[in-house]
Amino acid sequence: MTIELEVNGGWLTVCELSELIPGRGVAALLPDGSQAAVFVDRGGRPYAIGNRDPFTGAQVLARGLVGAVTGRPFVASPLLKQRFDLESGRCLDDDAVAVRTYPVRTAVPSPA
């Protein structure tokens, strides 16, 4: 199975699901030069948000710590520790800030 992000109206294959470790992120370079941080939870559900930390401008959210609060998955920036909801992109520590989210799916690759 592969992880795919919806980018510019189409689906972009990022990696194999088996390459992701629950609770750890990976950064993906997108066709427009931006980056996405891709995660999978222990249940195998994938998430994708922008990799850029809006508080510092650094591309580091894929390296953040994954957790949950009141059942909502989040990643905490490794720099200043602000938490971002993996479903909505909303910063849990500052309602005025959010990161981009990407529709994400798992897919079975078509035979070659």
PDB file of N, CA and C in Angstrom:
ATOM      1  N   MET A   1       0.843  -1.183   0.000  1.00  0.00           N
ATOM      2  CA  MET A   1       0.000   0.000   0.000  1.00  0.00           C
ATOM      3  C   MET A   1       0.887   1.245   0.000  1.00  0.00           C
ATOM      4  N   THR A   2       0.408   2.260  -0.676  1.00  0.00           N
ATOM      5  CA  THR A   2       1.152   3.515  -0.742  1.00  0.00           C
ATOM      6  C   THR A   2       0.363   4.623  -0.041  1.00  0.00           C
ATOM      7  N   ILE A   3       1.090   5.653   0.358  1.00  0.00           N
ATOM      8  CA  ILE A   3       0.498   6.871   0.905  1.00  0.00           C
ATOM      9  C   ILE A   3       0.468   7.886  -0.232  1.00  0.00           C
ATOM     10  N   GLU A   4      -0.707   8.482  -0.450  1.00  0.00           N
ATOM     11  CA  GLU A   4      -0.865   9.482  -1.496  1.00  0.00           C
ATOM     12  C   GLU A   4      -1.464  10.748  -0.913  1.00  0.00           C
ATOM     13  N   LEU A   5      -0.985  11.902  -1.392  1.00  0.00           N
ATOM     14  CA  LEU A   5      -1.520  13.210  -1.001  1.00  0.00           C
ATOM     15  C   LEU A   5      -2.222  13.820  -2.199  1.00  0.00           C
ATOM     16  N   GLU A   6      -3.324  14.515  -1.932  1.00  0.00           N
ATOM     17  CA  GLU A   6      -3.985  15.248  -3.003  1.00  0.00           C
ATOM     18  C   GLU A   6      -3.297  16.599  -3.145  1.00  0.00           C
ATOM     19  N   VAL A   7      -2.705  16.803  -4.315  1.00  0.00           N
ATOM     20  CA  VAL A   7      -1.958  18.024  -4.599  1.00  0.00           C
ATOM     21  C   VAL A   7      -2.356  18.503  -5.989  1.00  0.00           C
ATOM     22  N   ASN A   8      -2.782  19.755  -6.082  1.00  0.00           N
ATOM     23  CA  ASN A   8      -3.151  20.359  -7.366  1.00  0.00           C
ATOM     24  C   ASN A   8      -4.182  19.531  -8.126  1.00  0.00           C
ATOM     25  N   GLY A   9      -5.164  18.993  -7.408  1.00  0.00           N
ATOM     26  CA  GLY A   9      -6.253  18.263  -8.044  1.00  0.00           C
ATOM     27  C   GLY A   9      -5.951  16.832  -8.424  1.00  0.00           C
ATOM     28  N   GLY A  10      -4.756  16.347  -8.119  1.00  0.00           N
ATOM     29  CA  GLY A  10      -4.407  14.961  -8.427  1.00  0.00           C
ATOM     30  C   GLY A  10      -3.770  14.297  -7.215  1.00  0.00           C
ATOM     31  N   TRP A  11      -3.576  12.996  -7.299  1.00  0.00           N
ATOM     32  CA  TRP A  11      -2.988  12.234  -6.195  1.00  0.00           C
ATOM     33  C   TRP A  11      -1.515  11.984  -6.456  1.00  0.00           C
ATOM     34  N   LEU A  12      -0.678  12.332  -5.485  1.00  0.00           N
ATOM     35  CA  LEU A  12       0.771  12.188  -5.572  1.00  0.00           C
ATOM     36  C   LEU A  12       1.213  11.084  -4.615  1.00  0.00           C
ATOM     37  N   THR A  13       1.866  10.063  -5.142  1.00  0.00           N
ATOM     38  CA  THR A  13       2.389   9.000  -4.285  1.00  0.00           C
ATOM     39  C   THR A  13       3.607   9.518  -3.537  1.00  0.00           C
ATOM     40  N   VAL A  14       3.590   9.361  -2.201  1.00  0.00           N
ATOM     41  CA  VAL A  14       4.678   9.859  -1.361  1.00  0.00           C
ATOM     42  C   VAL A  14       5.627   8.732  -0.965  1.00  0.00           C
ATOM     43  N   CYS A  15       5.078   7.629  -0.468  1.00  0.00           N
ATOM     44  CA  CYS A  15       5.915   6.528  -0.018  1.00  0.00           C
ATOM     45  C   CYS A  15       5.050   5.297   0.226  1.00  0.00           C
ATOM     46  N   GLU A  16       5.694   4.204   0.537  1.00  0.00           N
ATOM     47  CA  GLU A  16       4.982   2.993   0.939  1.00  0.00           C
ATOM     48  C   GLU A  16       4.526   3.161   2.384  1.00  0.00           C
ATOM     49  N   LEU A  17       3.328   2.709   2.695  1.00  0.00           N
ATOM     50  CA  LEU A  17       2.814   2.766   4.063  1.00  0.00           C
ATOM     51  C   LEU A  17       3.778   2.065   5.019  1.00  0.00           C
ATOM     52  N   SER A  18       4.375   0.962   4.583  1.00  0.00           N
ATOM     53  CA  SER A  18       5.279   0.186   5.435  1.00  0.00           C
ATOM     54  C   SER A  18       6.552   0.959   5.808  1.00  0.00           C
ATOM     55  N   GLU A  19       6.845   2.043   5.100  1.00  0.00           N
ATOM     56  CA  GLU A  19       8.028   2.850   5.400  1.00  0.00           C
ATOM     57  C   GLU A  19       7.801   3.824   6.549  1.00  0.00           C
ATOM     58  N   LEU A  20       6.546   4.027   6.934  1.00  0.00           N
ATOM     59  CA  LEU A  20       6.235   4.958   8.017  1.00  0.00           C
ATOM     60  C   LEU A  20       6.182   4.222   9.342  1.00  0.00           C
ATOM     61  N   ILE A  21       6.725   4.853  10.365  1.00  0.00           N
ATOM     62  CA  ILE A  21       6.695   4.314  11.719  1.00  0.00           C
ATOM     63  C   ILE A  21       5.655   5.105  12.496  1.00  0.00           C
ATOM     64  N   PRO A  22       4.686   4.417  13.129  1.00  0.00           N
ATOM     65  CA  PRO A  22       3.673   5.147  13.900  1.00  0.00           C
ATOM     66  C   PRO A  22       4.320   6.093  14.917  1.00  0.00           C
ATOM     67  N   GLY A  23       3.821   7.325  14.924  1.00  0.00           N
ATOM     68  CA  GLY A  23       4.330   8.326  15.853  1.00  0.00           C
ATOM     69  C   GLY A  23       5.537   9.095  15.368  1.00  0.00           C
ATOM     70  N   ARG A  24       6.047   8.768  14.179  1.00  0.00           N
ATOM     71  CA  ARG A  24       7.194   9.486  13.625  1.00  0.00           C
ATOM     72  C   ARG A  24       6.831   9.989  12.240  1.00  0.00           C
ATOM     73  N   GLY A  25       7.253  11.179  11.916  1.00  0.00           N
ATOM     74  CA  GLY A  25       6.915  11.766  10.634  1.00  0.00           C
ATOM     75  C   GLY A  25       8.024  11.665   9.613  1.00  0.00           C
ATOM     76  N   VAL A  26       7.641  11.890   8.359  1.00  0.00           N
ATOM     77  CA  VAL A  26       8.605  12.029   7.267  1.00  0.00           C
ATOM     78  C   VAL A  26       8.231  13.278   6.485  1.00  0.00           C
ATOM     79  N   ALA A  27       9.219  13.924   5.907  1.00  0.00           N
ATOM     80  CA  ALA A  27       8.982  15.101   5.078  1.00  0.00           C
ATOM     81  C   ALA A  27       8.931  14.674   3.619  1.00  0.00           C
ATOM     82  N   ALA A  28       7.999  15.265   2.891  1.00  0.00           N
ATOM     83  CA  ALA A  28       7.872  14.984   1.459  1.00  0.00           C
ATOM     84  C   ALA A  28       7.972  16.296   0.700  1.00  0.00           C
ATOM     85  N   LEU A  29       8.825  16.317  -0.323  1.00  0.00           N
ATOM     86  CA  LEU A  29       8.953  17.482  -1.194  1.00  0.00           C
ATOM     87  C   LEU A  29       7.862  17.402  -2.248  1.00  0.00           C
ATOM     88  N   LEU A  30       7.075  18.447  -2.366  1.00  0.00           N
ATOM     89  CA  LEU A  30       5.952  18.477  -3.292  1.00  0.00           C
ATOM     90  C   LEU A  30       6.363  19.157  -4.605  1.00  0.00           C
ATOM     91  N   PRO A  31       5.604  18.915  -5.668  1.00  0.00           N
ATOM     92  CA  PRO A  31       5.982  19.474  -6.984  1.00  0.00           C
ATOM     93  C   PRO A  31       6.176  20.986  -7.007  1.00  0.00           C
ATOM     94  N   ASP A  32       5.455  21.732  -6.166  1.00  0.00           N
ATOM     95  CA  ASP A  32       5.602  23.191  -6.170  1.00  0.00           C
ATOM     96  C   ASP A  32       6.760  23.683  -5.314  1.00  0.00           C
ATOM     97  N   GLY A  33       7.537  22.743  -4.738  1.00  0.00           N
ATOM     98  CA  GLY A  33       8.675  23.118  -3.909  1.00  0.00           C
ATOM     99  C   GLY A  33       8.360  23.219  -2.430  1.00  0.00           C
ATOM    100  N   SER A  34       7.089  23.157  -2.057  1.00  0.00           N
ATOM    101  CA  SER A  34       6.732  23.165  -0.644  1.00  0.00           C
ATOM    102  C   SER A  34       6.941  21.761  -0.074  1.00  0.00           C
ATOM    103  N   GLN A  35       6.772  21.646   1.240  1.00  0.00           N
ATOM    104  CA  GLN A  35       6.963  20.358   1.898  1.00  0.00           C
ATOM    105  C   GLN A  35       5.734  19.989   2.706  1.00  0.00           C
ATOM    106  N   ALA A  36       5.481  18.689   2.813  1.00  0.00           N
ATOM    107  CA  ALA A  36       4.431  18.157   3.672  1.00  0.00           C
ATOM    108  C   ALA A  36       5.080  17.263   4.712  1.00  0.00           C
ATOM    109  N   ALA A  37       4.504  17.248   5.903  1.00  0.00           N
ATOM    110  CA  ALA A  37       4.912  16.326   6.956  1.00  0.00           C
ATOM    111  C   ALA A  37       3.861  15.226   6.985  1.00  0.00           C
ATOM    112  N   VAL A  38       4.287  13.986   6.824  1.00  0.00           N
ATOM    113  CA  VAL A  38       3.369  12.857   6.710  1.00  0.00           C
ATOM    114  C   VAL A  38       3.551  11.948   7.919  1.00  0.00           C
ATOM    115  N   PHE A  39       2.429  11.550   8.508  1.00  0.00           N
ATOM    116  CA  PHE A  39       2.431  10.722   9.707  1.00  0.00           C
ATOM    117  C   PHE A  39       1.440   9.583   9.549  1.00  0.00           C
ATOM    118  N   VAL A  40       1.624   8.539  10.324  1.00  0.00           N
ATOM    119  CA  VAL A  40       0.630   7.479  10.443  1.00  0.00           C
ATOM    120  C   VAL A  40       0.499   7.168  11.929  1.00  0.00           C
ATOM    121  N   ASP A  41      -0.750   6.980  12.373  1.00  0.00           N
ATOM    122  CA  ASP A  41      -0.940   6.665  13.789  1.00  0.00           C
ATOM    123  C   ASP A  41      -0.848   5.156  14.008  1.00  0.00           C
ATOM    124  N   ARG A  42      -0.956   4.735  15.243  1.00  0.00           N
ATOM    125  CA  ARG A  42      -0.812   3.315  15.574  1.00  0.00           C
ATOM    126  C   ARG A  42      -1.895   2.454  14.937  1.00  0.00           C
ATOM    127  N   GLY A  43      -3.021   3.055  14.596  1.00  0.00           N
ATOM    128  CA  GLY A  43      -4.091   2.333  13.919  1.00  0.00           C
ATOM    129  C   GLY A  43      -3.913   2.281  12.407  1.00  0.00           C
ATOM    130  N   GLY A  44      -2.857   2.908  11.891  1.00  0.00           N
ATOM    131  CA  GLY A  44      -2.588   2.902  10.462  1.00  0.00           C
ATOM    132  C   GLY A  44      -3.224   4.038   9.688  1.00  0.00           C
ATOM    133  N   ARG A  45      -3.844   4.995  10.387  1.00  0.00           N
ATOM    134  CA  ARG A  45      -4.461   6.134   9.703  1.00  0.00           C
ATOM    135  C   ARG A  45      -3.402   7.176   9.359  1.00  0.00           C
ATOM    136  N   PRO A  46      -3.347   7.584   8.085  1.00  0.00           N
ATOM    137  CA  PRO A  46      -2.350   8.582   7.683  1.00  0.00           C
ATOM    138  C   PRO A  46      -2.869  10.020   7.856  1.00  0.00           C
ATOM    139  N   TYR A  47      -1.928  10.933   8.046  1.00  0.00           N
ATOM    140  CA  TYR A  47      -2.202  12.366   8.152  1.00  0.00           C
ATOM    141  C   TYR A  47      -1.110  13.104   7.384  1.00  0.00           C
ATOM    142  N   ALA A  48      -1.441  14.279   6.870  1.00  0.00           N
ATOM    143  CA  ALA A  48      -0.429  15.107   6.211  1.00  0.00           C
ATOM    144  C   ALA A  48      -0.743  16.576   6.457  1.00  0.00           C
ATOM    145  N   ILE A  49       0.264  17.300   6.915  1.00  0.00           N
ATOM    146  CA  ILE A  49       0.160  18.741   7.153  1.00  0.00           C
ATOM    147  C   ILE A  49       1.379  19.407   6.524  1.00  0.00           C
ATOM    148  N   GLY A  50       1.335  20.724   6.424  1.00  0.00           N
ATOM    149  CA  GLY A  50       2.512  21.449   5.958  1.00  0.00           C
ATOM    150  C   GLY A  50       3.666  21.223   6.915  1.00  0.00           C
ATOM    151  N   ASN A  51       4.863  21.132   6.398  1.00  0.00           N
ATOM    152  CA  ASN A  51       6.045  20.864   7.224  1.00  0.00           C
ATOM    153  C   ASN A  51       6.626  22.132   7.842  1.00  0.00           C
ATOM    154  N   ARG A  52       6.190  23.293   7.380  1.00  0.00           N
ATOM    155  CA  ARG A  52       6.763  24.568   7.854  1.00  0.00           C
ATOM    156  C   ARG A  52       6.135  24.990   9.180  1.00  0.00           C
ATOM    157  N   ASP A  53       6.975  25.182  10.179  1.00  0.00           N
ATOM    158  CA  ASP A  53       6.528  25.688  11.485  1.00  0.00           C
ATOM    159  C   ASP A  53       6.235  27.183  11.313  1.00  0.00           C
ATOM    160  N   PRO A  54       4.971  27.606  11.467  1.00  0.00           N
ATOM    161  CA  PRO A  54       4.644  29.015  11.236  1.00  0.00           C
ATOM    162  C   PRO A  54       5.252  29.970  12.264  1.00  0.00           C
ATOM    163  N   PHE A  55       5.713  29.469  13.387  1.00  0.00           N
ATOM    164  CA  PHE A  55       6.292  30.336  14.408  1.00  0.00           C
ATOM    165  C   PHE A  55       7.767  30.627  14.143  1.00  0.00           C
ATOM    166  N   THR A  56       8.457  29.736  13.440  1.00  0.00           N
ATOM    167  CA  THR A  56       9.886  29.932  13.188  1.00  0.00           C
ATOM    168  C   THR A  56      10.231  29.994  11.703  1.00  0.00           C
ATOM    169  N   GLY A  57       9.359  29.474  10.856  1.00  0.00           N
ATOM    170  CA  GLY A  57       9.628  29.410   9.428  1.00  0.00           C
ATOM    171  C   GLY A  57      10.452  28.201   9.021  1.00  0.00           C
ATOM    172  N   ALA A  58      10.879  27.393   9.974  1.00  0.00           N
ATOM    173  CA  ALA A  58      11.712  26.218   9.674  1.00  0.00           C
ATOM    174  C   ALA A  58      10.842  25.044   9.219  1.00  0.00           C
ATOM    175  N   GLN A  59      11.372  24.260   8.315  1.00  0.00           N
ATOM    176  CA  GLN A  59      10.679  23.061   7.802  1.00  0.00           C
ATOM    177  C   GLN A  59      10.984  21.889   8.735  1.00  0.00           C
ATOM    178  N   VAL A  60      10.266  21.808   9.862  1.00  0.00           N
ATOM    179  CA  VAL A  60      10.634  20.835  10.900  1.00  0.00           C
ATOM    180  C   VAL A  60       9.479  20.029  11.489  1.00  0.00           C
ATOM    181  N   LEU A  61       8.249  20.288  11.100  1.00  0.00           N
ATOM    182  CA  LEU A  61       7.146  19.616  11.788  1.00  0.00           C
ATOM    183  C   LEU A  61       7.186  18.098  11.647  1.00  0.00           C
ATOM    184  N   ALA A  62       7.776  17.569  10.573  1.00  0.00           N
ATOM    185  CA  ALA A  62       7.897  16.118  10.418  1.00  0.00           C
ATOM    186  C   ALA A  62       8.757  15.504  11.524  1.00  0.00           C
ATOM    187  N   ARG A  63       9.580  16.310  12.158  1.00  0.00           N
ATOM    188  CA  ARG A  63      10.455  15.825  13.229  1.00  0.00           C
ATOM    189  C   ARG A  63       9.839  16.004  14.614  1.00  0.00           C
ATOM    190  N   GLY A  64       8.597  16.472  14.660  1.00  0.00           N
ATOM    191  CA  GLY A  64       7.953  16.744  15.937  1.00  0.00           C
ATOM    192  C   GLY A  64       7.496  15.496  16.674  1.00  0.00           C
ATOM    193  N   LEU A  65       7.058  15.713  17.901  1.00  0.00           N
ATOM    194  CA  LEU A  65       6.551  14.638  18.748  1.00  0.00           C
ATOM    195  C   LEU A  65       5.053  14.493  18.534  1.00  0.00           C
ATOM    196  N   VAL A  66       4.599  13.274  18.288  1.00  0.00           N
ATOM    197  CA  VAL A  66       3.186  13.007  18.042  1.00  0.00           C
ATOM    198  C   VAL A  66       2.526  12.574  19.340  1.00  0.00           C
ATOM    199  N   GLY A  67       1.322  13.086  19.561  1.00  0.00           N
ATOM    200  CA  GLY A  67       0.556  12.723  20.749  1.00  0.00           C
ATOM    201  C   GLY A  67      -0.918  12.909  20.481  1.00  0.00           C
ATOM    202  N   ALA A  68      -1.710  12.895  21.542  1.00  0.00           N
ATOM    203  CA  ALA A  68      -3.147  13.125  21.421  1.00  0.00           C
ATOM    204  C   ALA A  68      -3.633  13.841  22.669  1.00  0.00           C
ATOM    205  N   VAL A  69      -4.613  14.712  22.476  1.00  0.00           N
ATOM    206  CA  VAL A  69      -5.269  15.387  23.591  1.00  0.00           C
ATOM    207  C   VAL A  69      -6.769  15.304  23.316  1.00  0.00           C
ATOM    208  N   THR A  70      -7.508  14.871  24.285  1.00  0.00           N
ATOM    209  CA  THR A  70      -8.951  14.632  24.157  1.00  0.00           C
ATOM    210  C   THR A  70      -9.294  13.877  22.874  1.00  0.00           C
ATOM    211  N   GLY A  71      -8.472  12.873  22.574  1.00  0.00           N
ATOM    212  CA  GLY A  71      -8.726  12.036  21.407  1.00  0.00           C
ATOM    213  C   GLY A  71      -8.318  12.622  20.073  1.00  0.00           C
ATOM    214  N   ARG A  72      -7.754  13.819  20.061  1.00  0.00           N
ATOM    215  CA  ARG A  72      -7.338  14.473  18.812  1.00  0.00           C
ATOM    216  C   ARG A  72      -5.833  14.316  18.642  1.00  0.00           C
ATOM    217  N   PRO A  73      -5.393  13.760  17.503  1.00  0.00           N
ATOM    218  CA  PRO A  73      -3.956  13.610  17.270  1.00  0.00           C
ATOM    219  C   PRO A  73      -3.306  14.957  16.952  1.00  0.00           C
ATOM    220  N   PHE A  74      -2.090  15.140  17.450  1.00  0.00           N
ATOM    221  CA  PHE A  74      -1.357  16.373  17.173  1.00  0.00           C
ATOM    222  C   PHE A  74       0.116  16.053  17.015  1.00  0.00           C
ATOM    223  N   VAL A  75       0.841  17.013  16.450  1.00  0.00           N
ATOM    224  CA  VAL A  75       2.292  16.973  16.443  1.00  0.00           C
ATOM    225  C   VAL A  75       2.771  18.252  17.120  1.00  0.00           C
ATOM    226  N   ALA A  76       3.757  18.120  17.998  1.00  0.00           N
ATOM    227  CA  ALA A  76       4.360  19.270  18.669  1.00  0.00           C
ATOM    228  C   ALA A  76       5.643  19.634  17.934  1.00  0.00           C
ATOM    229  N   SER A  77       5.764  20.887  17.576  1.00  0.00           N
ATOM    230  CA  SER A  77       6.966  21.346  16.881  1.00  0.00           C
ATOM    231  C   SER A  77       8.201  21.029  17.723  1.00  0.00           C
ATOM    232  N   PRO A  78       9.266  20.537  17.093  1.00  0.00           N
ATOM    233  CA  PRO A  78      10.477  20.248  17.861  1.00  0.00           C
ATOM    234  C   PRO A  78      11.212  21.513  18.322  1.00  0.00           C
ATOM    235  N   LEU A  79      10.817  22.677  17.820  1.00  0.00           N
ATOM    236  CA  LEU A  79      11.518  23.907  18.198  1.00  0.00           C
ATOM    237  C   LEU A  79      10.876  24.596  19.395  1.00  0.00           C
ATOM    238  N   LEU A  80       9.681  25.117  19.228  1.00  0.00           N
ATOM    239  CA  LEU A  80       9.048  25.868  20.314  1.00  0.00           C
ATOM    240  C   LEU A  80       7.912  25.110  20.988  1.00  0.00           C
ATOM    241  N   LYS A  81       7.636  23.899  20.522  1.00  0.00           N
ATOM    242  CA  LYS A  81       6.685  22.952  21.130  1.00  0.00           C
ATOM    243  C   LYS A  81       5.210  23.288  20.937  1.00  0.00           C
ATOM    244  N   GLN A  82       4.852  24.223  20.058  1.00  0.00           N
ATOM    245  CA  GLN A  82       3.438  24.439  19.769  1.00  0.00           C
ATOM    246  C   GLN A  82       2.879  23.167  19.155  1.00  0.00           C
ATOM    247  N   ARG A  83       1.625  22.847  19.492  1.00  0.00           N
ATOM    248  CA  ARG A  83       0.987  21.623  19.018  1.00  0.00           C
ATOM    249  C   ARG A  83       0.025  21.941  17.880  1.00  0.00           C
ATOM    250  N   PHE A  84       0.069  21.118  16.823  1.00  0.00           N
ATOM    251  CA  PHE A  84      -0.792  21.294  15.663  1.00  0.00           C
ATOM    252  C   PHE A  84      -1.649  20.049  15.472  1.00  0.00           C
ATOM    253  N   ASP A  85      -2.963  20.275  15.408  1.00  0.00           N
ATOM    254  CA  ASP A  85      -3.922  19.195  15.205  1.00  0.00           C
ATOM    255  C   ASP A  85      -3.653  18.564  13.836  1.00  0.00           C
ATOM    256  N   LEU A  86      -3.476  17.249  13.793  1.00  0.00           N
ATOM    257  CA  LEU A  86      -3.162  16.585  12.532  1.00  0.00           C
ATOM    258  C   LEU A  86      -4.364  16.481  11.601  1.00  0.00           C
ATOM    259  N   GLU A  87      -5.574  16.665  12.116  1.00  0.00           N
ATOM    260  CA  GLU A  87      -6.756  16.603  11.256  1.00  0.00           C
ATOM    261  C   GLU A  87      -7.129  17.962  10.674  1.00  0.00           C
ATOM    262  N   SER A  88      -7.026  19.016  11.485  1.00  0.00           N
ATOM    263  CA  SER A  88      -7.461  20.340  11.033  1.00  0.00           C
ATOM    264  C   SER A  88      -6.312  21.294  10.723  1.00  0.00           C
ATOM    265  N   GLY A  89      -5.117  21.014  11.249  1.00  0.00           N
ATOM    266  CA  GLY A  89      -3.985  21.919  11.087  1.00  0.00           C
ATOM    267  C   GLY A  89      -3.962  23.053  12.101  1.00  0.00           C
ATOM    268  N   ARG A  90      -5.011  23.169  12.892  1.00  0.00           N
ATOM    269  CA  ARG A  90      -5.133  24.265  13.866  1.00  0.00           C
ATOM    270  C   ARG A  90      -4.091  24.132  14.974  1.00  0.00           C
ATOM    271  N   CYS A  91      -3.498  25.245  15.352  1.00  0.00           N
ATOM    272  CA  CYS A  91      -2.565  25.254  16.467  1.00  0.00           C
ATOM    273  C   CYS A  91      -3.372  25.176  17.756  1.00  0.00           C
ATOM    274  N   LEU A  92      -3.074  24.205  18.588  1.00  0.00           N
ATOM    275  CA  LEU A  92      -3.813  24.024  19.839  1.00  0.00           C
ATOM    276  C   LEU A  92      -3.395  25.022  20.900  1.00  0.00           C
ATOM    277  N   ASP A  93      -2.311  25.745  20.655  1.00  0.00           N
ATOM    278  CA  ASP A  93      -1.797  26.701  21.626  1.00  0.00           C
ATOM    279  C   ASP A  93      -2.021  28.157  21.219  1.00  0.00           C
ATOM    280  N   ASP A  94      -2.513  28.389  20.012  1.00  0.00           N
ATOM    281  CA  ASP A  94      -2.766  29.740  19.513  1.00  0.00           C
ATOM    282  C   ASP A  94      -3.834  29.643  18.422  1.00  0.00           C
ATOM    283  N   ASP A  95      -5.072  29.965  18.759  1.00  0.00           N
ATOM    284  CA  ASP A  95      -6.188  29.814  17.828  1.00  0.00           C
ATOM    285  C   ASP A  95      -6.045  30.617  16.536  1.00  0.00           C
ATOM    286  N   ALA A  96      -5.170  31.609  16.519  1.00  0.00           N
ATOM    287  CA  ALA A  96      -5.010  32.441  15.331  1.00  0.00           C
ATOM    288  C   ALA A  96      -4.065  31.819  14.298  1.00  0.00           C
ATOM    289  N   VAL A  97      -3.474  30.665  14.615  1.00  0.00           N
ATOM    290  CA  VAL A  97      -2.453  30.073  13.745  1.00  0.00           C
ATOM    291  C   VAL A  97      -2.880  28.669  13.321  1.00  0.00           C
ATOM    292  N   ALA A  98      -2.583  28.338  12.080  1.00  0.00           N
ATOM    293  CA  ALA A  98      -2.850  26.987  11.569  1.00  0.00           C
ATOM    294  C   ALA A  98      -1.835  26.671  10.478  1.00  0.00           C
ATOM    295  N   VAL A  99      -1.657  25.383  10.210  1.00  0.00           N
ATOM    296  CA  VAL A  99      -0.831  24.938   9.092  1.00  0.00           C
ATOM    297  C   VAL A  99      -1.752  24.271   8.083  1.00  0.00           C
ATOM    298  N   ARG A 100      -1.283  24.182   6.872  1.00  0.00           N
ATOM    299  CA  ARG A 100      -2.060  23.557   5.810  1.00  0.00           C
ATOM    300  C   ARG A 100      -2.221  22.061   6.086  1.00  0.00           C
ATOM    301  N   THR A 101      -3.369  21.532   5.734  1.00  0.00           N
ATOM    302  CA  THR A 101      -3.572  20.087   5.779  1.00  0.00           C
ATOM    303  C   THR A 101      -3.753  19.594   4.351  1.00  0.00           C
ATOM    304  N   TYR A 102      -3.444  18.336   4.125  1.00  0.00           N
ATOM    305  CA  TYR A 102      -3.584  17.729   2.810  1.00  0.00           C
ATOM    306  C   TYR A 102      -4.502  16.522   2.915  1.00  0.00           C
ATOM    307  N   PRO A 103      -5.434  16.376   1.969  1.00  0.00           N
ATOM    308  CA  PRO A 103      -6.175  15.120   1.907  1.00  0.00           C
ATOM    309  C   PRO A 103      -5.153  14.001   1.664  1.00  0.00           C
ATOM    310  N   VAL A 104      -5.287  12.922   2.394  1.00  0.00           N
ATOM    311  CA  VAL A 104      -4.335  11.823   2.299  1.00  0.00           C
ATOM    312  C   VAL A 104      -5.098  10.507   2.263  1.00  0.00           C
ATOM    313  N   ARG A 105      -4.557   9.545   1.530  1.00  0.00           N
ATOM    314  CA  ARG A 105      -5.206   8.240   1.451  1.00  0.00           C
ATOM    315  C   ARG A 105      -4.137   7.165   1.302  1.00  0.00           C
ATOM    316  N   THR A 106      -4.548   5.949   1.594  1.00  0.00           N
ATOM    317  CA  THR A 106      -3.710   4.800   1.266  1.00  0.00           C
ATOM    318  C   THR A 106      -4.291   4.187   0.013  1.00  0.00           C
ATOM    319  N   ALA A 107      -3.439   3.670  -0.821  1.00  0.00           N
ATOM    320  CA  ALA A 107      -3.885   3.096  -2.087  1.00  0.00           C
ATOM    321  C   ALA A 107      -3.064   1.859  -2.414  1.00  0.00           C
ATOM    322  N   VAL A 108      -3.694   0.955  -3.099  1.00  0.00           N
ATOM    323  CA  VAL A 108      -2.996  -0.222  -3.604  1.00  0.00           C
ATOM    324  C   VAL A 108      -2.440   0.136  -4.968  1.00  0.00           C
ATOM    325  N   PRO A 109      -1.119   0.003  -5.149  1.00  0.00           N
ATOM    326  CA  PRO A 109      -0.548   0.377  -6.448  1.00  0.00           C
ATOM    327  C   PRO A 109      -1.074  -0.538  -7.562  1.00  0.00           C
ATOM    328  N   SER A 110      -1.308   0.055  -8.700  1.00  0.00           N
ATOM    329  CA  SER A 110      -1.776  -0.746  -9.836  1.00  0.00           C
ATOM    330  C   SER A 110      -0.614  -1.581 -10.374  1.00  0.00           C
ATOM    331  N   PRO A 111      -0.904  -2.785 -10.841  1.00  0.00           N
ATOM    332  CA  PRO A 111       0.180  -3.638 -11.357  1.00  0.00           C
ATOM    333  C   PRO A 111       0.836  -3.016 -12.592  1.00  0.00           C
ATOM    334  N   ALA A 112       2.112  -3.206 -12.690  1.00  0.00           N
ATOM    335  CA  ALA A 112       2.865  -2.609 -13.812  1.00  0.00           C
ATOM    336  C   ALA A 112       2.726  -3.404 -15.087  1.00  0.00           C
TER     337      ALA A 112
END
